[in-house]
Amino acid sequence: MANKYGFCHMGLGQLLWQKAQQGTRQGPKIHDVMLQGLLVPTVRGCHILDMISDHMLSCLDSRGFLIDGFPRELRQAKEFEHIVGQAPNFVIVFDCSMETMVRRALHRGQVECRASDCKSAICQRLEMHYTLCEPTLAFYQQKNLLRN
């Protein structure tokens, strides 16, 4: 989608893996959280909004932005709108079965050699994702921005 429409693609998972591989103080912490099958929190030395903002600023010549995996929490959605100064044009939600998502993540783990993409960690991340995202999806639904 990003290539087709000339958008800058930002995958939160990819940004976090890059941060985890850096020789910074936060790198090992992020890596450990991801290996446990947990979602990296907004705080604790890794400011997800800062990472996204920095990446957006590095792509100012793009026609727009396609951000995947973000926001997961309602607080992130509201903070993002405050920082950017507007709501997104729309929010896309891909609905598919848990089985399909686990299968795709396992495949990604094999292709990209991600140790955190084992079945137990994937299932744990997905359960946490659904729990955290429900209020966020309702927020965007109320704004008529949600597209399934």
N, C-alpha and C. Protein backbone atom coordinates (compact mmCIF):
# COMPACT_ATOMS: atom_id res chain seq x y z
N MET A 1 0.82 -1.19 0.00
CA MET A 1 0.00 0.00 0.00
C MET A 1 0.87 1.26 0.00
N ALA A 2 1.92 1.22 0.78
CA ALA A 2 2.79 2.40 0.86
C ALA A 2 3.40 2.70 -0.51
N ASN A 3 3.91 1.68 -1.18
CA ASN A 3 4.50 1.88 -2.50
C ASN A 3 3.48 2.37 -3.51
N LYS A 4 2.31 1.76 -3.50
CA LYS A 4 1.26 2.11 -4.46
C LYS A 4 0.86 3.57 -4.37
N TYR A 5 0.76 4.09 -3.15
CA TYR A 5 0.28 5.45 -2.95
C TYR A 5 1.38 6.47 -2.63
N GLY A 6 2.62 6.02 -2.61
CA GLY A 6 3.74 6.93 -2.36
C GLY A 6 3.86 7.38 -0.91
N PHE A 7 3.45 6.50 0.00
CA PHE A 7 3.51 6.83 1.43
C PHE A 7 4.81 6.30 2.03
N CYS A 8 5.21 6.92 3.09
CA CYS A 8 6.33 6.42 3.91
C CYS A 8 5.75 5.36 4.84
N HIS A 9 6.30 4.16 4.80
CA HIS A 9 5.81 3.07 5.65
C HIS A 9 6.61 3.03 6.94
N MET A 10 5.89 2.95 8.05
CA MET A 10 6.51 2.80 9.35
C MET A 10 5.86 1.63 10.05
N GLY A 11 6.61 0.57 10.23
CA GLY A 11 6.13 -0.57 10.99
C GLY A 11 6.68 -0.46 12.40
N LEU A 12 5.81 -0.37 13.37
CA LEU A 12 6.28 -0.21 14.75
C LEU A 12 7.18 -1.37 15.16
N GLY A 13 6.80 -2.59 14.79
CA GLY A 13 7.64 -3.74 15.13
C GLY A 13 9.04 -3.62 14.56
N GLN A 14 9.14 -3.17 13.32
CA GLN A 14 10.44 -2.99 12.67
C GLN A 14 11.26 -1.91 13.39
N LEU A 15 10.61 -0.80 13.72
CA LEU A 15 11.31 0.27 14.44
C LEU A 15 11.81 -0.21 15.80
N LEU A 16 10.99 -1.01 16.47
CA LEU A 16 11.39 -1.53 17.78
C LEU A 16 12.54 -2.52 17.66
N TRP A 17 12.50 -3.38 16.63
CA TRP A 17 13.61 -4.32 16.44
C TRP A 17 14.91 -3.57 16.15
N GLN A 18 14.82 -2.51 15.36
CA GLN A 18 16.01 -1.71 15.08
C GLN A 18 16.55 -1.10 16.37
N LYS A 19 15.65 -0.57 17.18
CA LYS A 19 16.05 0.04 18.46
C LYS A 19 16.65 -1.03 19.38
N ALA A 20 16.07 -2.23 19.37
CA ALA A 20 16.57 -3.32 20.23
C ALA A 20 17.97 -3.75 19.82
N GLN A 21 18.31 -3.61 18.56
CA GLN A 21 19.62 -4.04 18.07
C GLN A 21 20.71 -2.98 18.28
N GLN A 22 20.29 -1.76 18.58
CA GLN A 22 21.26 -0.69 18.79
C GLN A 22 21.97 -0.89 20.13
N GLY A 23 23.14 -0.36 20.22
CA GLY A 23 23.92 -0.49 21.44
C GLY A 23 23.55 0.54 22.49
N THR A 24 22.28 0.78 22.65
CA THR A 24 21.84 1.75 23.64
C THR A 24 21.41 1.05 24.92
N ARG A 25 21.16 1.84 25.94
CA ARG A 25 20.70 1.30 27.23
C ARG A 25 19.33 0.64 27.07
N GLN A 26 18.47 1.19 26.21
CA GLN A 26 17.13 0.65 26.03
C GLN A 26 17.09 -0.61 25.18
N GLY A 27 18.09 -0.81 24.32
CA GLY A 27 18.09 -1.94 23.39
C GLY A 27 17.83 -3.29 24.03
N PRO A 28 18.64 -3.69 25.04
CA PRO A 28 18.42 -4.98 25.68
C PRO A 28 17.06 -5.09 26.38
N LYS A 29 16.58 -3.98 26.94
CA LYS A 29 15.28 -3.99 27.61
C LYS A 29 14.17 -4.27 26.59
N ILE A 30 14.23 -3.58 25.47
CA ILE A 30 13.22 -3.79 24.41
C ILE A 30 13.29 -5.22 23.92
N HIS A 31 14.49 -5.71 23.69
CA HIS A 31 14.68 -7.08 23.20
C HIS A 31 14.08 -8.08 24.17
N ASP A 32 14.34 -7.92 25.45
CA ASP A 32 13.81 -8.84 26.46
C ASP A 32 12.29 -8.81 26.51
N VAL A 33 11.71 -7.63 26.45
CA VAL A 33 10.24 -7.51 26.47
C VAL A 33 9.65 -8.23 25.27
N MET A 34 10.24 -8.04 24.10
CA MET A 34 9.71 -8.66 22.88
C MET A 34 9.88 -10.19 22.93
N LEU A 35 10.99 -10.67 23.46
CA LEU A 35 11.21 -12.12 23.56
C LEU A 35 10.21 -12.78 24.50
N GLN A 36 9.73 -12.03 25.49
CA GLN A 36 8.74 -12.56 26.43
C GLN A 36 7.34 -12.59 25.84
N GLY A 37 7.19 -12.05 24.63
CA GLY A 37 5.87 -12.01 24.01
C GLY A 37 5.02 -10.87 24.51
N LEU A 38 5.67 -9.88 25.10
CA LEU A 38 4.95 -8.72 25.61
C LEU A 38 5.05 -7.56 24.62
N LEU A 39 4.16 -6.61 24.76
CA LEU A 39 4.22 -5.42 23.93
C LEU A 39 5.11 -4.40 24.64
N VAL A 40 5.96 -3.75 23.88
CA VAL A 40 6.85 -2.75 24.46
C VAL A 40 6.00 -1.58 24.92
N PRO A 41 6.13 -1.20 26.20
CA PRO A 41 5.30 -0.12 26.71
C PRO A 41 5.70 1.23 26.12
N THR A 42 4.82 2.19 26.28
CA THR A 42 5.06 3.53 25.78
C THR A 42 6.23 4.19 26.51
N VAL A 43 6.41 3.84 27.76
CA VAL A 43 7.48 4.45 28.55
C VAL A 43 8.57 3.43 28.84
N ARG A 44 9.29 3.61 29.90
CA ARG A 44 10.42 2.76 30.31
C ARG A 44 11.63 2.95 29.40
N GLY A 45 11.96 4.19 29.11
CA GLY A 45 13.19 4.45 28.36
C GLY A 45 13.03 4.36 26.86
N CYS A 46 11.93 3.88 26.37
CA CYS A 46 11.72 3.79 24.93
C CYS A 46 10.44 4.55 24.61
N HIS A 47 10.57 5.71 24.06
CA HIS A 47 9.42 6.53 23.77
C HIS A 47 8.96 6.28 22.34
N ILE A 48 7.94 5.47 22.21
CA ILE A 48 7.44 5.04 20.91
C ILE A 48 7.02 6.23 20.07
N LEU A 49 6.36 7.20 20.68
CA LEU A 49 5.94 8.39 19.93
C LEU A 49 7.14 9.15 19.38
N ASP A 50 8.22 9.22 20.13
CA ASP A 50 9.43 9.88 19.63
C ASP A 50 10.00 9.13 18.44
N MET A 51 10.01 7.80 18.51
CA MET A 51 10.52 7.00 17.39
C MET A 51 9.70 7.26 16.13
N ILE A 52 8.39 7.28 16.28
CA ILE A 52 7.51 7.50 15.13
C ILE A 52 7.68 8.92 14.59
N SER A 53 7.71 9.90 15.49
CA SER A 53 7.90 11.30 15.07
C SER A 53 9.21 11.48 14.32
N ASP A 54 10.28 10.91 14.86
CA ASP A 54 11.59 11.01 14.20
C ASP A 54 11.55 10.40 12.81
N HIS A 55 10.89 9.25 12.68
CA HIS A 55 10.81 8.59 11.38
C HIS A 55 9.96 9.42 10.42
N MET A 56 8.87 9.99 10.90
CA MET A 56 8.03 10.84 10.05
C MET A 56 8.83 12.04 9.56
N LEU A 57 9.61 12.64 10.43
CA LEU A 57 10.40 13.81 10.04
C LEU A 57 11.48 13.47 9.03
N SER A 58 11.89 12.21 8.99
CA SER A 58 12.89 11.80 8.01
C SER A 58 12.27 11.50 6.65
N CYS A 59 10.94 11.54 6.56
CA CYS A 59 10.24 11.22 5.31
C CYS A 59 9.32 12.36 4.87
N LEU A 60 9.75 13.58 5.06
CA LEU A 60 8.88 14.72 4.79
C LEU A 60 8.48 14.86 3.32
N ASP A 61 9.21 14.23 2.41
CA ASP A 61 8.88 14.34 0.99
C ASP A 61 7.83 13.33 0.54
N SER A 62 7.35 12.48 1.44
CA SER A 62 6.36 11.48 1.04
C SER A 62 4.97 12.12 0.96
N ARG A 63 4.06 11.45 0.27
CA ARG A 63 2.69 11.95 0.09
C ARG A 63 1.84 11.72 1.33
N GLY A 64 2.33 10.88 2.22
CA GLY A 64 1.60 10.56 3.43
C GLY A 64 2.34 9.47 4.18
N PHE A 65 1.69 8.96 5.21
CA PHE A 65 2.33 7.97 6.07
C PHE A 65 1.41 6.78 6.29
N LEU A 66 1.98 5.61 6.24
CA LEU A 66 1.28 4.38 6.57
C LEU A 66 1.99 3.81 7.79
N ILE A 67 1.31 3.90 8.93
CA ILE A 67 1.91 3.46 10.19
C ILE A 67 1.20 2.19 10.62
N ASP A 68 1.94 1.09 10.73
CA ASP A 68 1.29 -0.14 11.17
C ASP A 68 1.75 -0.52 12.56
N GLY A 69 0.81 -1.06 13.32
CA GLY A 69 1.09 -1.47 14.69
C GLY A 69 0.99 -0.35 15.70
N PHE A 70 0.43 0.76 15.29
CA PHE A 70 0.33 1.93 16.17
C PHE A 70 -0.88 2.75 15.79
N PRO A 71 -1.60 3.34 16.72
CA PRO A 71 -1.46 3.24 18.16
C PRO A 71 -2.15 1.99 18.68
N ARG A 72 -1.63 1.45 19.75
CA ARG A 72 -2.24 0.29 20.38
C ARG A 72 -3.11 0.71 21.56
N GLU A 73 -2.73 1.78 22.20
CA GLU A 73 -3.45 2.23 23.39
C GLU A 73 -4.12 3.56 23.11
N LEU A 74 -5.24 3.79 23.77
CA LEU A 74 -5.98 5.03 23.60
C LEU A 74 -5.11 6.24 23.93
N ARG A 75 -4.30 6.14 24.98
CA ARG A 75 -3.41 7.23 25.34
C ARG A 75 -2.46 7.57 24.19
N GLN A 76 -1.93 6.55 23.52
CA GLN A 76 -1.04 6.78 22.38
C GLN A 76 -1.78 7.51 21.26
N ALA A 77 -3.01 7.12 21.00
CA ALA A 77 -3.80 7.75 19.94
C ALA A 77 -3.98 9.23 20.22
N LYS A 78 -4.34 9.55 21.44
CA LYS A 78 -4.57 10.94 21.82
C LYS A 78 -3.27 11.75 21.81
N GLU A 79 -2.19 11.17 22.31
CA GLU A 79 -0.90 11.86 22.31
C GLU A 79 -0.41 12.09 20.89
N PHE A 80 -0.60 11.09 20.03
CA PHE A 80 -0.19 11.23 18.63
C PHE A 80 -0.93 12.39 17.97
N GLU A 81 -2.24 12.46 18.15
CA GLU A 81 -3.02 13.55 17.57
C GLU A 81 -2.57 14.90 18.11
N HIS A 82 -2.21 14.94 19.38
CA HIS A 82 -1.74 16.18 19.98
C HIS A 82 -0.42 16.62 19.35
N ILE A 83 0.50 15.68 19.19
CA ILE A 83 1.82 15.98 18.62
C ILE A 83 1.71 16.36 17.15
N VAL A 84 0.95 15.59 16.38
CA VAL A 84 0.83 15.82 14.94
C VAL A 84 -0.08 17.02 14.65
N GLY A 85 -1.04 17.26 15.52
CA GLY A 85 -1.94 18.39 15.35
C GLY A 85 -3.23 18.06 14.64
N GLN A 86 -3.43 16.79 14.33
CA GLN A 86 -4.67 16.37 13.69
C GLN A 86 -4.84 14.86 13.84
N ALA A 87 -6.07 14.41 13.61
CA ALA A 87 -6.36 12.98 13.61
C ALA A 87 -5.86 12.38 12.29
N PRO A 88 -5.64 11.08 12.26
CA PRO A 88 -5.30 10.46 10.97
C PRO A 88 -6.48 10.59 10.01
N ASN A 89 -6.19 10.45 8.72
CA ASN A 89 -7.27 10.50 7.73
C ASN A 89 -8.22 9.32 7.91
N PHE A 90 -7.66 8.17 8.22
CA PHE A 90 -8.45 6.99 8.54
C PHE A 90 -7.56 5.95 9.19
N VAL A 91 -8.19 4.98 9.84
CA VAL A 91 -7.50 3.90 10.53
C VAL A 91 -8.01 2.60 9.94
N ILE A 92 -7.10 1.78 9.48
CA ILE A 92 -7.46 0.50 8.85
C ILE A 92 -7.27 -0.63 9.86
N VAL A 93 -8.27 -1.49 9.96
CA VAL A 93 -8.18 -2.68 10.80
C VAL A 93 -8.37 -3.88 9.90
N PHE A 94 -7.40 -4.77 9.91
CA PHE A 94 -7.50 -6.01 9.14
C PHE A 94 -8.05 -7.08 10.07
N ASP A 95 -9.23 -7.56 9.77
CA ASP A 95 -9.84 -8.62 10.57
C ASP A 95 -9.51 -9.97 9.95
N CYS A 96 -8.89 -10.81 10.74
CA CYS A 96 -8.68 -12.19 10.33
C CYS A 96 -8.61 -13.04 11.60
N SER A 97 -8.71 -14.32 11.41
CA SER A 97 -8.77 -15.21 12.57
C SER A 97 -7.44 -15.25 13.32
N MET A 98 -7.50 -15.62 14.57
CA MET A 98 -6.31 -15.77 15.39
C MET A 98 -5.37 -16.80 14.74
N GLU A 99 -5.95 -17.87 14.23
CA GLU A 99 -5.15 -18.92 13.58
C GLU A 99 -4.36 -18.35 12.40
N THR A 100 -4.99 -17.54 11.60
CA THR A 100 -4.33 -16.93 10.45
C THR A 100 -3.20 -16.01 10.89
N MET A 101 -3.46 -15.20 11.91
CA MET A 101 -2.42 -14.28 12.38
C MET A 101 -1.23 -15.03 12.97
N VAL A 102 -1.49 -16.08 13.72
CA VAL A 102 -0.40 -16.87 14.29
C VAL A 102 0.42 -17.50 13.17
N ARG A 103 -0.26 -18.06 12.18
CA ARG A 103 0.44 -18.69 11.05
C ARG A 103 1.32 -17.67 10.31
N ARG A 104 0.78 -16.48 10.08
CA ARG A 104 1.55 -15.43 9.38
C ARG A 104 2.75 -14.98 10.21
N ALA A 105 2.56 -14.81 11.50
CA ALA A 105 3.66 -14.37 12.37
C ALA A 105 4.74 -15.45 12.47
N LEU A 106 4.33 -16.71 12.53
CA LEU A 106 5.31 -17.79 12.55
C LEU A 106 6.14 -17.80 11.26
N HIS A 107 5.47 -17.58 10.15
CA HIS A 107 6.16 -17.52 8.86
C HIS A 107 7.15 -16.34 8.85
N ARG A 108 6.69 -15.19 9.32
CA ARG A 108 7.56 -14.01 9.39
C ARG A 108 8.77 -14.31 10.27
N GLY A 109 8.55 -14.99 11.38
CA GLY A 109 9.64 -15.34 12.28
C GLY A 109 10.69 -16.21 11.61
N GLN A 110 10.23 -17.12 10.75
CA GLN A 110 11.17 -17.97 10.02
C GLN A 110 11.93 -17.17 8.96
N VAL A 111 11.22 -16.35 8.23
CA VAL A 111 11.83 -15.58 7.15
C VAL A 111 12.81 -14.54 7.70
N GLU A 112 12.41 -13.85 8.77
CA GLU A 112 13.23 -12.77 9.31
C GLU A 112 14.08 -13.21 10.51
N CYS A 113 14.06 -14.50 10.83
CA CYS A 113 14.85 -15.04 11.95
C CYS A 113 14.58 -14.29 13.25
N ARG A 114 13.31 -14.11 13.57
CA ARG A 114 12.93 -13.42 14.80
C ARG A 114 12.67 -14.45 15.90
N ALA A 115 13.49 -14.40 16.91
CA ALA A 115 13.35 -15.34 18.02
C ALA A 115 12.04 -15.13 18.78
N SER A 116 11.50 -13.91 18.74
CA SER A 116 10.28 -13.61 19.48
C SER A 116 9.02 -14.11 18.77
N ASP A 117 9.16 -14.60 17.56
CA ASP A 117 7.99 -15.09 16.83
C ASP A 117 7.81 -16.59 17.00
N CYS A 118 7.75 -17.02 18.26
CA CYS A 118 7.39 -18.40 18.55
C CYS A 118 5.90 -18.39 18.90
N LYS A 119 5.25 -19.53 18.82
CA LYS A 119 3.80 -19.58 18.96
C LYS A 119 3.31 -19.02 20.29
N SER A 120 3.93 -19.37 21.39
CA SER A 120 3.45 -18.90 22.69
C SER A 120 3.57 -17.38 22.81
N ALA A 121 4.68 -16.82 22.34
CA ALA A 121 4.87 -15.37 22.41
C ALA A 121 3.89 -14.66 21.49
N ILE A 122 3.66 -15.20 20.33
CA ILE A 122 2.71 -14.60 19.38
C ILE A 122 1.31 -14.57 19.98
N CYS A 123 0.88 -15.68 20.54
CA CYS A 123 -0.46 -15.75 21.14
C CYS A 123 -0.59 -14.76 22.29
N GLN A 124 0.43 -14.66 23.10
CA GLN A 124 0.40 -13.71 24.22
C GLN A 124 0.32 -12.28 23.72
N ARG A 125 1.13 -11.94 22.70
CA ARG A 125 1.09 -10.58 22.13
C ARG A 125 -0.28 -10.27 21.54
N LEU A 126 -0.86 -11.24 20.84
CA LEU A 126 -2.17 -11.00 20.23
C LEU A 126 -3.26 -10.78 21.28
N GLU A 127 -3.24 -11.56 22.34
CA GLU A 127 -4.24 -11.38 23.40
C GLU A 127 -4.10 -10.00 24.02
N MET A 128 -2.87 -9.60 24.30
CA MET A 128 -2.63 -8.29 24.89
C MET A 128 -3.03 -7.19 23.90
N HIS A 129 -2.73 -7.43 22.64
CA HIS A 129 -3.06 -6.46 21.59
C HIS A 129 -4.57 -6.21 21.55
N TYR A 130 -5.35 -7.28 21.54
CA TYR A 130 -6.81 -7.11 21.50
C TYR A 130 -7.32 -6.36 22.72
N THR A 131 -6.78 -6.67 23.87
CA THR A 131 -7.22 -6.01 25.09
C THR A 131 -6.91 -4.52 25.06
N LEU A 132 -5.69 -4.18 24.65
CA LEU A 132 -5.29 -2.78 24.62
C LEU A 132 -5.97 -1.99 23.50
N CYS A 133 -6.18 -2.64 22.37
CA CYS A 133 -6.69 -1.93 21.19
C CYS A 133 -8.19 -1.65 21.21
N GLU A 134 -8.94 -2.40 21.96
CA GLU A 134 -10.39 -2.23 21.93
C GLU A 134 -10.83 -0.78 22.19
N PRO A 135 -10.35 -0.12 23.25
CA PRO A 135 -10.74 1.28 23.45
C PRO A 135 -10.26 2.21 22.33
N THR A 136 -9.10 1.91 21.78
CA THR A 136 -8.56 2.72 20.69
C THR A 136 -9.43 2.61 19.45
N LEU A 137 -9.85 1.39 19.13
CA LEU A 137 -10.72 1.19 17.98
C LEU A 137 -12.07 1.88 18.19
N ALA A 138 -12.59 1.82 19.40
CA ALA A 138 -13.86 2.51 19.70
C ALA A 138 -13.69 4.02 19.54
N PHE A 139 -12.56 4.56 19.96
CA PHE A 139 -12.25 5.98 19.82
C PHE A 139 -12.30 6.40 18.35
N TYR A 140 -11.65 5.62 17.49
CA TYR A 140 -11.63 5.96 16.06
C TYR A 140 -12.98 5.68 15.40
N GLN A 141 -13.70 4.69 15.89
CA GLN A 141 -15.03 4.41 15.36
C GLN A 141 -15.95 5.60 15.63
N GLN A 142 -15.87 6.17 16.82
CA GLN A 142 -16.70 7.33 17.18
C GLN A 142 -16.38 8.53 16.29
N LYS A 143 -15.12 8.61 15.83
CA LYS A 143 -14.72 9.71 14.94
C LYS A 143 -15.00 9.37 13.47
N ASN A 144 -15.57 8.20 13.24
CA ASN A 144 -15.87 7.72 11.89
C ASN A 144 -14.62 7.60 11.02
N LEU A 145 -13.53 7.19 11.62
CA LEU A 145 -12.25 7.04 10.92
C LEU A 145 -11.86 5.58 10.71
N LEU A 146 -12.59 4.66 11.33
CA LEU A 146 -12.22 3.24 11.31
C LEU A 146 -12.73 2.58 10.04
N ARG A 147 -11.82 1.88 9.37
CA ARG A 147 -12.16 1.12 8.16
C ARG A 147 -11.74 -0.33 8.37
N ASN A 148 -12.68 -1.26 8.20
CA ASN A 148 -12.37 -2.69 8.33
C ASN A 148 -12.06 -3.26 6.96
